[in-house]
Amino acid sequence: MSVVLHGYHLSVYLRIARLALVEKGVAYERVEVNPFAPDLPSAYLELHPFGRVPVLVHDGFTLYETAAITRYIDRTFPGPPLQPAGGQALARMDQIIGVVDAYAYWPLVRQVFAHRVIRPRLGQPADEAEIAKGLAIAPRVLGALERLASGDAFLVGPALSLADLHLGAMIAYFVQAPEGAALLARSPRLVDWWSSVGARPSFTATDPSART
């Protein structure tokens, strides 16, 4: 069996796919691809015509789009299920993932984390206006997720689901900014959830700073 995951080490979406593979116990090879590079190899564009990440290749079967990849991983490989069985819980999982993609990713990651943490780390100036925009939107996003969270051990109940991996990859970045950590602290359900989920071995194994 050959499982190859192509992606950029800083990408939250690559990390979401990696988290799913680790939680299912799937061994895989990782290939670094920088989607921001001006000269993406034509071979990669054959895998992903839009030049984004990640891409999963499993025994010759190629798949892109993170939601499709994580669901494929869960359906294809043995290991603990990453999707709840009940219709309402499954719908809640899908809803949280949708909220995270549509409303959380840009302010939490691309505005707050990228400008407060990554750009200074790379010796680039932070855009305080972008940070302010992200911080203005973040409380509404976190408030919505706080209300959707089950109050149980995980976002949609007593078992880990793809919703936890999806949001967890973004919160892991957001709380690296002091302002992000302070905002999360106002959401008690999310604080309890993150203290548990963020400590899982899968999050340590997929830490982007390790470049594994």
N, C-alpha and C. Protein backbone atom coordinates (compact mmCIF):
# COMPACT_ATOMS: atom_id res chain seq x y z
N MET A 1 0.84 -1.20 0.00
CA MET A 1 0.00 0.00 0.00
C MET A 1 0.87 1.24 0.00
N SER A 2 0.59 2.17 -0.89
CA SER A 2 1.34 3.41 -0.97
C SER A 2 0.40 4.59 -0.70
N VAL A 3 0.74 5.38 0.31
CA VAL A 3 -0.03 6.58 0.63
C VAL A 3 0.94 7.76 0.63
N VAL A 4 0.68 8.71 -0.26
CA VAL A 4 1.54 9.88 -0.38
C VAL A 4 0.68 11.12 -0.21
N LEU A 5 1.13 12.02 0.67
CA LEU A 5 0.40 13.26 0.91
C LEU A 5 1.28 14.44 0.51
N HIS A 6 0.80 15.19 -0.46
CA HIS A 6 1.52 16.36 -0.96
C HIS A 6 0.96 17.60 -0.27
N GLY A 7 1.85 18.49 0.18
CA GLY A 7 1.36 19.72 0.78
C GLY A 7 2.46 20.59 1.34
N TYR A 8 2.07 21.77 1.77
CA TYR A 8 2.97 22.77 2.33
C TYR A 8 2.98 22.64 3.84
N HIS A 9 4.16 22.60 4.44
CA HIS A 9 4.25 22.26 5.87
C HIS A 9 3.49 23.23 6.77
N LEU A 10 3.32 24.49 6.35
CA LEU A 10 2.60 25.45 7.18
C LEU A 10 1.09 25.45 6.95
N SER A 11 0.63 24.72 5.98
CA SER A 11 -0.79 24.73 5.63
C SER A 11 -1.63 24.04 6.69
N VAL A 12 -2.68 24.73 7.18
CA VAL A 12 -3.58 24.08 8.12
C VAL A 12 -4.32 22.93 7.46
N TYR A 13 -4.56 23.05 6.17
CA TYR A 13 -5.31 22.00 5.48
C TYR A 13 -4.45 20.75 5.28
N LEU A 14 -3.17 20.93 5.05
CA LEU A 14 -2.28 19.77 5.07
C LEU A 14 -2.32 19.12 6.45
N ARG A 15 -2.27 19.94 7.49
CA ARG A 15 -2.24 19.36 8.85
C ARG A 15 -3.53 18.61 9.16
N ILE A 16 -4.66 19.10 8.69
CA ILE A 16 -5.92 18.40 8.92
C ILE A 16 -5.86 16.99 8.32
N ALA A 17 -5.35 16.89 7.10
CA ALA A 17 -5.22 15.58 6.45
C ALA A 17 -4.23 14.71 7.21
N ARG A 18 -3.13 15.30 7.64
CA ARG A 18 -2.14 14.54 8.41
C ARG A 18 -2.73 14.03 9.72
N LEU A 19 -3.50 14.88 10.39
CA LEU A 19 -4.14 14.47 11.63
C LEU A 19 -5.04 13.26 11.42
N ALA A 20 -5.81 13.29 10.33
CA ALA A 20 -6.69 12.16 10.04
C ALA A 20 -5.89 10.87 9.83
N LEU A 21 -4.79 10.97 9.09
CA LEU A 21 -3.96 9.79 8.85
C LEU A 21 -3.36 9.26 10.14
N VAL A 22 -2.88 10.15 10.99
CA VAL A 22 -2.28 9.72 12.26
C VAL A 22 -3.33 9.10 13.18
N GLU A 23 -4.49 9.73 13.27
CA GLU A 23 -5.55 9.19 14.14
C GLU A 23 -6.01 7.81 13.68
N LYS A 24 -5.95 7.55 12.36
CA LYS A 24 -6.33 6.23 11.84
C LYS A 24 -5.17 5.25 11.85
N GLY A 25 -3.96 5.73 12.19
CA GLY A 25 -2.81 4.84 12.23
C GLY A 25 -2.27 4.47 10.87
N VAL A 26 -2.40 5.37 9.89
CA VAL A 26 -1.97 5.09 8.52
C VAL A 26 -0.57 5.65 8.30
N ALA A 27 0.34 4.79 7.86
CA ALA A 27 1.68 5.24 7.49
C ALA A 27 1.61 5.92 6.13
N TYR A 28 2.36 7.00 5.98
CA TYR A 28 2.31 7.72 4.71
C TYR A 28 3.63 8.44 4.46
N GLU A 29 3.84 8.77 3.20
CA GLU A 29 4.99 9.57 2.79
C GLU A 29 4.50 10.99 2.54
N ARG A 30 5.30 11.96 2.92
CA ARG A 30 4.91 13.35 2.71
C ARG A 30 5.84 14.01 1.71
N VAL A 31 5.25 14.74 0.77
CA VAL A 31 6.00 15.46 -0.24
C VAL A 31 5.72 16.96 -0.08
N GLU A 32 6.75 17.74 0.13
CA GLU A 32 6.60 19.18 0.33
C GLU A 32 6.29 19.89 -1.00
N VAL A 33 5.22 20.67 -0.98
CA VAL A 33 4.82 21.47 -2.14
C VAL A 33 4.43 22.85 -1.64
N ASN A 34 5.06 23.88 -2.16
CA ASN A 34 4.73 25.25 -1.77
C ASN A 34 3.77 25.85 -2.81
N PRO A 35 2.49 25.99 -2.48
CA PRO A 35 1.53 26.49 -3.46
C PRO A 35 1.73 27.96 -3.79
N PHE A 36 2.54 28.66 -2.99
CA PHE A 36 2.80 30.09 -3.23
C PHE A 36 3.98 30.31 -4.16
N ALA A 37 4.69 29.23 -4.50
CA ALA A 37 5.83 29.35 -5.39
C ALA A 37 5.36 29.74 -6.79
N PRO A 38 6.11 30.61 -7.47
CA PRO A 38 5.69 31.04 -8.81
C PRO A 38 5.88 29.98 -9.88
N ASP A 39 6.63 28.95 -9.56
CA ASP A 39 6.94 27.93 -10.57
C ASP A 39 6.55 26.54 -10.10
N LEU A 40 5.27 26.37 -9.79
CA LEU A 40 4.79 25.05 -9.40
C LEU A 40 5.07 24.05 -10.51
N PRO A 41 5.61 22.89 -10.19
CA PRO A 41 5.91 21.90 -11.22
C PRO A 41 4.65 21.47 -11.98
N SER A 42 4.81 21.27 -13.25
CA SER A 42 3.66 20.83 -14.07
C SER A 42 3.15 19.49 -13.59
N ALA A 43 4.04 18.66 -13.04
CA ALA A 43 3.61 17.35 -12.54
C ALA A 43 2.64 17.52 -11.38
N TYR A 44 2.84 18.56 -10.55
CA TYR A 44 1.91 18.78 -9.45
C TYR A 44 0.58 19.32 -9.97
N LEU A 45 0.64 20.17 -10.95
CA LEU A 45 -0.60 20.72 -11.51
C LEU A 45 -1.44 19.64 -12.19
N GLU A 46 -0.80 18.56 -12.57
CA GLU A 46 -1.56 17.42 -13.09
C GLU A 46 -2.32 16.73 -11.96
N LEU A 47 -1.78 16.79 -10.74
CA LEU A 47 -2.47 16.22 -9.59
C LEU A 47 -3.57 17.15 -9.09
N HIS A 48 -3.29 18.46 -9.10
CA HIS A 48 -4.24 19.46 -8.61
C HIS A 48 -4.26 20.62 -9.60
N PRO A 49 -5.25 20.69 -10.45
CA PRO A 49 -5.26 21.70 -11.52
C PRO A 49 -5.32 23.13 -11.00
N PHE A 50 -5.71 23.32 -9.72
CA PHE A 50 -5.79 24.66 -9.16
C PHE A 50 -4.55 25.01 -8.34
N GLY A 51 -3.61 24.09 -8.24
CA GLY A 51 -2.34 24.37 -7.61
C GLY A 51 -2.39 24.58 -6.12
N ARG A 52 -3.38 24.01 -5.46
CA ARG A 52 -3.48 24.19 -4.01
C ARG A 52 -3.09 22.90 -3.30
N VAL A 53 -3.14 22.92 -1.98
CA VAL A 53 -2.77 21.74 -1.20
C VAL A 53 -3.86 21.46 -0.18
N PRO A 54 -3.95 20.20 0.26
CA PRO A 54 -3.12 19.03 -0.04
C PRO A 54 -3.68 18.19 -1.19
N VAL A 55 -2.87 17.21 -1.57
CA VAL A 55 -3.29 16.16 -2.50
C VAL A 55 -2.90 14.83 -1.90
N LEU A 56 -3.82 13.87 -1.90
CA LEU A 56 -3.56 12.51 -1.43
C LEU A 56 -3.48 11.59 -2.64
N VAL A 57 -2.46 10.76 -2.67
CA VAL A 57 -2.35 9.73 -3.71
C VAL A 57 -2.24 8.38 -3.01
N HIS A 58 -3.25 7.55 -3.22
CA HIS A 58 -3.31 6.24 -2.56
C HIS A 58 -3.35 5.16 -3.62
N ASP A 59 -2.25 4.43 -3.76
CA ASP A 59 -2.16 3.35 -4.75
C ASP A 59 -2.64 3.81 -6.12
N GLY A 60 -2.20 4.99 -6.53
CA GLY A 60 -2.54 5.50 -7.85
C GLY A 60 -3.82 6.30 -7.92
N PHE A 61 -4.61 6.30 -6.85
CA PHE A 61 -5.85 7.07 -6.80
C PHE A 61 -5.53 8.45 -6.25
N THR A 62 -5.84 9.49 -7.02
CA THR A 62 -5.50 10.87 -6.65
C THR A 62 -6.74 11.62 -6.20
N LEU A 63 -6.59 12.34 -5.09
CA LEU A 63 -7.72 13.05 -4.51
C LEU A 63 -7.26 14.40 -3.97
N TYR A 64 -7.97 15.47 -4.32
CA TYR A 64 -7.72 16.75 -3.69
C TYR A 64 -9.02 17.30 -3.11
N GLU A 65 -8.91 18.36 -2.33
CA GLU A 65 -9.93 18.96 -1.46
C GLU A 65 -9.91 18.24 -0.11
N THR A 66 -9.61 19.00 0.94
CA THR A 66 -9.37 18.43 2.26
C THR A 66 -10.56 17.64 2.79
N ALA A 67 -11.76 18.18 2.63
CA ALA A 67 -12.94 17.47 3.14
C ALA A 67 -13.09 16.11 2.49
N ALA A 68 -12.83 16.04 1.19
CA ALA A 68 -12.92 14.76 0.49
C ALA A 68 -11.81 13.82 0.96
N ILE A 69 -10.62 14.36 1.17
CA ILE A 69 -9.48 13.54 1.60
C ILE A 69 -9.73 12.94 2.98
N THR A 70 -10.17 13.74 3.93
CA THR A 70 -10.34 13.21 5.29
C THR A 70 -11.47 12.19 5.36
N ARG A 71 -12.53 12.42 4.62
CA ARG A 71 -13.62 11.44 4.60
C ARG A 71 -13.18 10.15 3.91
N TYR A 72 -12.37 10.28 2.88
CA TYR A 72 -11.84 9.09 2.22
C TYR A 72 -10.96 8.29 3.18
N ILE A 73 -10.09 8.99 3.90
CA ILE A 73 -9.22 8.33 4.87
C ILE A 73 -10.06 7.57 5.88
N ASP A 74 -11.10 8.19 6.38
CA ASP A 74 -11.93 7.55 7.40
C ASP A 74 -12.67 6.35 6.84
N ARG A 75 -13.13 6.45 5.61
CA ARG A 75 -13.91 5.36 5.01
C ARG A 75 -13.05 4.20 4.53
N THR A 76 -11.79 4.48 4.21
CA THR A 76 -10.95 3.51 3.53
C THR A 76 -10.09 2.69 4.47
N PHE A 77 -9.60 3.29 5.53
CA PHE A 77 -8.63 2.64 6.38
C PHE A 77 -9.24 2.19 7.70
N PRO A 78 -8.73 1.09 8.26
CA PRO A 78 -9.21 0.65 9.56
C PRO A 78 -8.75 1.62 10.65
N GLY A 79 -9.30 1.42 11.83
CA GLY A 79 -8.96 2.31 12.93
C GLY A 79 -10.21 2.96 13.47
N PRO A 80 -10.08 3.76 14.51
CA PRO A 80 -11.26 4.38 15.13
C PRO A 80 -11.98 5.28 14.14
N PRO A 81 -13.31 5.21 14.10
CA PRO A 81 -14.07 6.06 13.17
C PRO A 81 -13.91 7.54 13.52
N LEU A 82 -13.85 8.37 12.50
CA LEU A 82 -13.70 9.81 12.69
C LEU A 82 -14.96 10.57 12.30
N GLN A 83 -16.06 9.81 12.10
CA GLN A 83 -17.35 10.43 11.82
C GLN A 83 -18.41 9.74 12.68
N PRO A 84 -19.28 10.50 13.33
CA PRO A 84 -20.31 9.90 14.18
C PRO A 84 -21.34 9.15 13.34
N ALA A 85 -22.03 8.24 13.98
CA ALA A 85 -23.01 7.41 13.27
C ALA A 85 -24.37 8.09 13.15
N GLY A 86 -24.77 8.83 14.15
CA GLY A 86 -26.10 9.43 14.14
C GLY A 86 -26.24 10.56 13.13
N GLY A 87 -27.42 10.68 12.57
CA GLY A 87 -27.66 11.70 11.56
C GLY A 87 -27.47 13.11 12.07
N GLN A 88 -27.97 13.42 13.26
CA GLN A 88 -27.84 14.77 13.79
C GLN A 88 -26.40 15.08 14.14
N ALA A 89 -25.69 14.13 14.74
CA ALA A 89 -24.28 14.36 15.09
C ALA A 89 -23.44 14.54 13.82
N LEU A 90 -23.75 13.75 12.80
CA LEU A 90 -23.03 13.87 11.54
C LEU A 90 -23.30 15.23 10.89
N ALA A 91 -24.54 15.67 10.96
CA ALA A 91 -24.89 16.99 10.43
C ALA A 91 -24.17 18.09 11.20
N ARG A 92 -24.07 17.94 12.53
CA ARG A 92 -23.38 18.94 13.33
C ARG A 92 -21.90 18.98 12.97
N MET A 93 -21.30 17.81 12.75
CA MET A 93 -19.91 17.75 12.33
C MET A 93 -19.71 18.51 11.03
N ASP A 94 -20.57 18.23 10.06
CA ASP A 94 -20.48 18.91 8.77
C ASP A 94 -20.69 20.42 8.92
N GLN A 95 -21.60 20.80 9.80
CA GLN A 95 -21.87 22.22 10.01
C GLN A 95 -20.65 22.92 10.59
N ILE A 96 -20.04 22.32 11.60
CA ILE A 96 -18.86 22.93 12.22
C ILE A 96 -17.73 23.06 11.22
N ILE A 97 -17.50 22.02 10.42
CA ILE A 97 -16.46 22.09 9.40
C ILE A 97 -16.77 23.21 8.41
N GLY A 98 -18.04 23.34 8.03
CA GLY A 98 -18.43 24.40 7.11
C GLY A 98 -18.20 25.78 7.70
N VAL A 99 -18.54 25.95 8.98
CA VAL A 99 -18.33 27.23 9.66
C VAL A 99 -16.84 27.55 9.73
N VAL A 100 -16.05 26.56 10.07
CA VAL A 100 -14.60 26.76 10.18
C VAL A 100 -14.02 27.20 8.84
N ASP A 101 -14.39 26.52 7.78
CA ASP A 101 -13.87 26.87 6.45
C ASP A 101 -14.34 28.24 5.99
N ALA A 102 -15.61 28.52 6.18
CA ALA A 102 -16.20 29.74 5.63
C ALA A 102 -15.89 30.98 6.45
N TYR A 103 -15.82 30.83 7.78
CA TYR A 103 -15.76 32.01 8.64
C TYR A 103 -14.55 32.09 9.57
N ALA A 104 -13.91 30.95 9.87
CA ALA A 104 -12.80 30.96 10.83
C ALA A 104 -11.43 31.04 10.16
N TYR A 105 -11.26 30.36 9.05
CA TYR A 105 -9.92 30.24 8.46
C TYR A 105 -9.28 31.59 8.18
N TRP A 106 -10.01 32.47 7.51
CA TRP A 106 -9.38 33.72 7.09
C TRP A 106 -9.00 34.61 8.28
N PRO A 107 -9.93 34.94 9.19
CA PRO A 107 -9.52 35.82 10.29
C PRO A 107 -8.54 35.18 11.26
N LEU A 108 -8.75 33.91 11.63
CA LEU A 108 -7.92 33.29 12.64
C LEU A 108 -6.52 32.96 12.12
N VAL A 109 -6.46 32.47 10.89
CA VAL A 109 -5.19 31.99 10.34
C VAL A 109 -4.52 33.01 9.43
N ARG A 110 -5.22 33.43 8.39
CA ARG A 110 -4.59 34.28 7.39
C ARG A 110 -4.40 35.72 7.86
N GLN A 111 -5.20 36.16 8.81
CA GLN A 111 -5.04 37.53 9.30
C GLN A 111 -4.29 37.58 10.63
N VAL A 112 -4.80 36.93 11.66
CA VAL A 112 -4.16 37.03 12.98
C VAL A 112 -2.86 36.24 13.04
N PHE A 113 -2.90 34.96 12.76
CA PHE A 113 -1.70 34.13 12.87
C PHE A 113 -0.63 34.53 11.86
N ALA A 114 -1.01 34.67 10.61
CA ALA A 114 -0.02 34.95 9.57
C ALA A 114 0.71 36.25 9.83
N HIS A 115 -0.03 37.28 10.25
CA HIS A 115 0.59 38.59 10.42
C HIS A 115 1.23 38.78 11.80
N ARG A 116 0.67 38.18 12.82
CA ARG A 116 1.25 38.34 14.16
C ARG A 116 2.41 37.39 14.42
N VAL A 117 2.35 36.19 13.81
CA VAL A 117 3.33 35.16 14.14
C VAL A 117 4.27 34.84 12.98
N ILE A 118 3.73 34.46 11.84
CA ILE A 118 4.56 33.96 10.75
C ILE A 118 5.38 35.05 10.08
N ARG A 119 4.76 36.16 9.73
CA ARG A 119 5.51 37.20 9.02
C ARG A 119 6.70 37.70 9.85
N PRO A 120 6.52 38.02 11.13
CA PRO A 120 7.70 38.41 11.92
C PRO A 120 8.75 37.31 12.00
N ARG A 121 8.31 36.05 12.07
CA ARG A 121 9.25 34.94 12.13
C ARG A 121 10.09 34.86 10.87
N LEU A 122 9.51 35.28 9.76
CA LEU A 122 10.23 35.26 8.48
C LEU A 122 10.94 36.57 8.19
N GLY A 123 10.92 37.48 9.17
CA GLY A 123 11.57 38.76 8.97
C GLY A 123 10.79 39.73 8.12
N GLN A 124 9.48 39.50 8.03
CA GLN A 124 8.62 40.37 7.23
C GLN A 124 7.74 41.21 8.14
N PRO A 125 7.37 42.41 7.71
CA PRO A 125 6.54 43.26 8.57
C PRO A 125 5.12 42.73 8.70
N ALA A 126 4.56 42.86 9.89
CA ALA A 126 3.17 42.49 10.12
C ALA A 126 2.27 43.64 9.69
N ASP A 127 1.14 43.32 9.15
CA ASP A 127 0.15 44.33 8.78
C ASP A 127 -0.85 44.44 9.94
N GLU A 128 -0.69 45.48 10.76
CA GLU A 128 -1.53 45.63 11.93
C GLU A 128 -3.00 45.81 11.56
N ALA A 129 -3.25 46.38 10.40
CA ALA A 129 -4.64 46.56 9.96
C ALA A 129 -5.29 45.21 9.69
N GLU A 130 -4.53 44.27 9.11
CA GLU A 130 -5.07 42.94 8.86
C GLU A 130 -5.32 42.21 10.18
N ILE A 131 -4.39 42.36 11.12
CA ILE A 131 -4.59 41.74 12.43
C ILE A 131 -5.85 42.28 13.09
N ALA A 132 -6.02 43.59 13.02
CA ALA A 132 -7.20 44.21 13.63
C ALA A 132 -8.49 43.71 13.00
N LYS A 133 -8.47 43.53 11.68
CA LYS A 133 -9.66 43.01 11.00
C LYS A 133 -9.99 41.59 11.49
N GLY A 134 -8.95 40.76 11.59
CA GLY A 134 -9.17 39.40 12.07
C GLY A 134 -9.69 39.35 13.49
N LEU A 135 -9.11 40.19 14.34
CA LEU A 135 -9.52 40.22 15.74
C LEU A 135 -10.94 40.76 15.91
N ALA A 136 -11.38 41.59 14.98
CA ALA A 136 -12.74 42.11 15.05
C ALA A 136 -13.77 41.04 14.71
N ILE A 137 -13.40 40.12 13.84
CA ILE A 137 -14.32 39.07 13.40
C ILE A 137 -14.25 37.84 14.32
N ALA A 138 -13.09 37.58 14.88
CA ALA A 138 -12.86 36.35 15.64
C ALA A 138 -13.86 36.11 16.77
N PRO A 139 -14.25 37.12 17.58
CA PRO A 139 -15.20 36.82 18.66
C PRO A 139 -16.53 36.27 18.17
N ARG A 140 -17.00 36.76 17.04
CA ARG A 140 -18.26 36.25 16.49
C ARG A 140 -18.10 34.79 16.06
N VAL A 141 -16.96 34.49 15.45
CA VAL A 141 -16.69 33.11 15.01
C VAL A 141 -16.58 32.18 16.21
N LEU A 142 -15.79 32.57 17.19
CA LEU A 142 -15.62 31.73 18.37
C LEU A 142 -16.93 31.58 19.14
N GLY A 143 -17.73 32.66 19.18
CA GLY A 143 -19.02 32.58 19.86
C GLY A 143 -19.95 31.58 19.19
N ALA A 144 -19.95 31.57 17.86
CA ALA A 144 -20.79 30.61 17.14
C ALA A 144 -20.33 29.18 17.41
N LEU A 145 -19.00 28.96 17.40
CA LEU A 145 -18.48 27.62 17.64
C LEU A 145 -18.69 27.19 19.08
N GLU A 146 -18.62 28.14 20.00
CA GLU A 146 -18.90 27.84 21.41
C GLU A 146 -20.33 27.32 21.58
N ARG A 147 -21.27 27.94 20.87
CA ARG A 147 -22.67 27.51 20.97
C ARG A 147 -22.89 26.17 20.29
N LEU A 148 -22.14 25.88 19.23
CA LEU A 148 -22.31 24.61 18.52
C LEU A 148 -21.63 23.45 19.23
N ALA A 149 -20.60 23.73 20.02
CA ALA A 149 -19.87 22.67 20.70
C ALA A 149 -20.79 21.90 21.64
N SER A 150 -20.60 20.61 21.71
CA SER A 150 -21.51 19.74 22.45
C SER A 150 -21.42 19.93 23.96
N GLY A 151 -20.28 20.41 24.43
CA GLY A 151 -20.07 20.45 25.87
C GLY A 151 -19.56 19.13 26.40
N ASP A 152 -19.46 18.14 25.52
CA ASP A 152 -18.91 16.84 25.87
C ASP A 152 -17.40 16.90 25.64
N ALA A 153 -16.75 15.75 25.61
CA ALA A 153 -15.30 15.73 25.45
C ALA A 153 -14.86 16.30 24.10
N PHE A 154 -15.71 16.11 23.08
CA PHE A 154 -15.36 16.57 21.73
C PHE A 154 -16.48 17.44 21.17
N LEU A 155 -16.25 18.02 20.03
CA LEU A 155 -17.18 19.02 19.51
C LEU A 155 -18.57 18.48 19.24
N VAL A 156 -18.67 17.22 18.81
CA VAL A 156 -19.99 16.69 18.48
C VAL A 156 -20.36 15.48 19.35
N GLY A 157 -19.72 15.35 20.51
CA GLY A 157 -20.10 14.25 21.39
C GLY A 157 -18.91 13.63 22.09
N PRO A 158 -19.05 12.39 22.53
CA PRO A 158 -18.02 11.75 23.34
C PRO A 158 -16.83 11.20 22.56
N ALA A 159 -16.90 11.21 21.23
CA ALA A 159 -15.81 10.64 20.43
C ALA A 159 -15.23 11.69 19.49
N LEU A 160 -13.94 11.56 19.22
CA LEU A 160 -13.26 12.45 18.28
C LEU A 160 -13.89 12.35 16.90
N SER A 161 -13.99 13.49 16.21
CA SER A 161 -14.51 13.48 14.84
C SER A 161 -13.66 14.40 13.98
N LEU A 162 -13.96 14.40 12.70
CA LEU A 162 -13.24 15.27 11.76
C LEU A 162 -13.41 16.73 12.12
N ALA A 163 -14.51 17.09 12.78
CA ALA A 163 -14.71 18.48 13.20
C ALA A 163 -13.61 18.91 14.16
N ASP A 164 -13.21 18.03 15.07
CA ASP A 164 -12.16 18.35 16.03
C ASP A 164 -10.82 18.58 15.33
N LEU A 165 -10.54 17.77 14.32
CA LEU A 165 -9.29 17.92 13.59
C LEU A 165 -9.29 19.20 12.77
N HIS A 166 -10.41 19.49 12.17
CA HIS A 166 -10.53 20.66 11.31
C HIS A 166 -10.35 21.94 12.11
N LEU A 167 -11.10 22.07 13.19
CA LEU A 167 -10.98 23.27 14.00
C LEU A 167 -9.66 23.28 14.77
N GLY A 168 -9.23 22.13 15.24
CA GLY A 168 -8.02 22.05 16.03
C GLY A 168 -6.80 22.56 15.30
N ALA A 169 -6.68 22.24 14.02
CA ALA A 169 -5.53 22.71 13.25
C ALA A 169 -5.49 24.22 13.19
N MET A 170 -6.65 24.86 13.17
CA MET A 170 -6.70 26.33 13.10
C MET A 170 -6.50 26.97 14.47
N ILE A 171 -7.09 26.38 15.51
CA ILE A 171 -6.90 26.93 16.85
C ILE A 171 -5.43 26.82 17.26
N ALA A 172 -4.76 25.75 16.85
CA ALA A 172 -3.34 25.58 17.18
C ALA A 172 -2.52 26.76 16.69
N TYR A 173 -2.90 27.31 15.56
CA TYR A 173 -2.23 28.51 15.03
C TYR A 173 -2.72 29.77 15.75
N PHE A 174 -4.01 29.90 15.87
CA PHE A 174 -4.61 31.13 16.41
C PHE A 174 -4.08 31.46 17.80
N VAL A 175 -3.93 30.46 18.65
CA VAL A 175 -3.52 30.72 20.04
C VAL A 175 -2.04 31.04 20.16
N GLN A 176 -1.28 30.90 19.08
CA GLN A 176 0.12 31.33 19.11
C GLN A 176 0.24 32.84 19.13
N ALA A 177 -0.80 33.53 18.69
CA ALA A 177 -0.86 34.98 18.82
C ALA A 177 -1.42 35.31 20.20
N PRO A 178 -0.79 36.16 20.96
CA PRO A 178 -1.30 36.47 22.30
C PRO A 178 -2.76 36.93 22.29
N GLU A 179 -3.12 37.71 21.28
CA GLU A 179 -4.51 38.17 21.19
C GLU A 179 -5.46 37.00 20.93
N GLY A 180 -4.99 36.02 20.16
CA GLY A 180 -5.82 34.85 19.90
C GLY A 180 -6.05 34.03 21.14
N ALA A 181 -4.98 33.80 21.91
CA ALA A 181 -5.13 33.05 23.15
C ALA A 181 -6.08 33.75 24.12
N ALA A 182 -5.99 35.08 24.16
CA ALA A 182 -6.86 35.84 25.06
C ALA A 182 -8.32 35.74 24.64
N LEU A 183 -8.57 35.76 23.34
CA LEU A 183 -9.95 35.66 22.86
C LEU A 183 -10.51 34.26 23.11
N LEU A 184 -9.70 33.23 22.88
CA LEU A 184 -10.19 31.86 23.11
C LEU A 184 -10.55 31.68 24.58
N ALA A 185 -9.83 32.32 25.46
CA ALA A 185 -10.07 32.16 26.91
C ALA A 185 -11.46 32.61 27.32
N ARG A 186 -12.15 33.36 26.48
CA ARG A 186 -13.50 33.82 26.78
C ARG A 186 -14.56 32.77 26.47
N SER A 187 -14.15 31.65 25.86
CA SER A 187 -15.09 30.60 25.44
C SER A 187 -14.82 29.34 26.25
N PRO A 188 -15.49 29.15 27.38
CA PRO A 188 -15.12 28.05 28.30
C PRO A 188 -15.24 26.66 27.69
N ARG A 189 -16.26 26.44 26.86
CA ARG A 189 -16.36 25.10 26.25
C ARG A 189 -15.18 24.85 25.33
N LEU A 190 -14.83 25.84 24.54
CA LEU A 190 -13.71 25.68 23.61
C LEU A 190 -12.38 25.56 24.36
N VAL A 191 -12.26 26.26 25.46
CA VAL A 191 -11.04 26.15 26.27
C VAL A 191 -10.87 24.72 26.78
N ASP A 192 -11.93 24.14 27.34
CA ASP A 192 -11.86 22.78 27.84
C ASP A 192 -11.58 21.80 26.71
N TRP A 193 -12.27 22.02 25.60
CA TRP A 193 -12.07 21.15 24.42
C TRP A 193 -10.63 21.21 23.95
N TRP A 194 -10.09 22.41 23.81
CA TRP A 194 -8.75 22.56 23.25
C TRP A 194 -7.68 22.03 24.21
N SER A 195 -7.88 22.16 25.50
CA SER A 195 -6.90 21.65 26.45
C SER A 195 -6.75 20.14 26.32
N SER A 196 -7.81 19.47 25.90
CA SER A 196 -7.78 18.02 25.71
C SER A 196 -7.33 17.65 24.30
N VAL A 197 -7.98 18.22 23.30
CA VAL A 197 -7.68 17.86 21.91
C VAL A 197 -6.27 18.28 21.52
N GLY A 198 -5.87 19.46 21.93
CA GLY A 198 -4.55 19.95 21.56
C GLY A 198 -3.41 19.15 22.15
N ALA A 199 -3.70 18.38 23.19
CA ALA A 199 -2.67 17.56 23.84
C ALA A 199 -2.59 16.16 23.25
N ARG A 200 -3.41 15.83 22.28
CA ARG A 200 -3.40 14.50 21.69
C ARG A 200 -2.08 14.24 20.97
N PRO A 201 -1.59 13.01 20.98
CA PRO A 201 -0.34 12.69 20.29
C PRO A 201 -0.35 13.07 18.81
N SER A 202 -1.52 13.03 18.18
CA SER A 202 -1.59 13.37 16.76
C SER A 202 -1.21 14.81 16.51
N PHE A 203 -1.53 15.70 17.44
CA PHE A 203 -1.17 17.10 17.27
C PHE A 203 0.33 17.31 17.44
N THR A 204 0.93 16.55 18.35
CA THR A 204 2.39 16.61 18.49
C THR A 204 3.07 16.06 17.25
N ALA A 205 2.56 14.95 16.73
CA ALA A 205 3.16 14.31 15.57
C ALA A 205 3.07 15.13 14.31
N THR A 206 2.10 16.02 14.23
CA THR A 206 1.90 16.82 13.02
C THR A 206 2.28 18.29 13.20
N ASP A 207 2.99 18.59 14.27
CA ASP A 207 3.42 19.97 14.52
C ASP A 207 4.23 20.47 13.33
N PRO A 208 3.81 21.52 12.65
CA PRO A 208 4.53 21.99 11.46
C PRO A 208 5.98 22.37 11.73
N SER A 209 6.29 22.78 12.95
CA SER A 209 7.66 23.19 13.25
C SER A 209 8.63 22.02 13.21
N ALA A 210 8.08 20.79 13.32
CA ALA A 210 8.94 19.60 13.29
C ALA A 210 9.36 19.24 11.88
N ARG A 211 8.61 19.72 10.87
CA ARG A 211 8.88 19.46 9.44
C ARG A 211 9.03 17.97 9.16
N THR A 212 8.15 17.13 9.76
CA THR A 212 8.20 15.70 9.49
C THR A 212 7.21 15.33 8.43
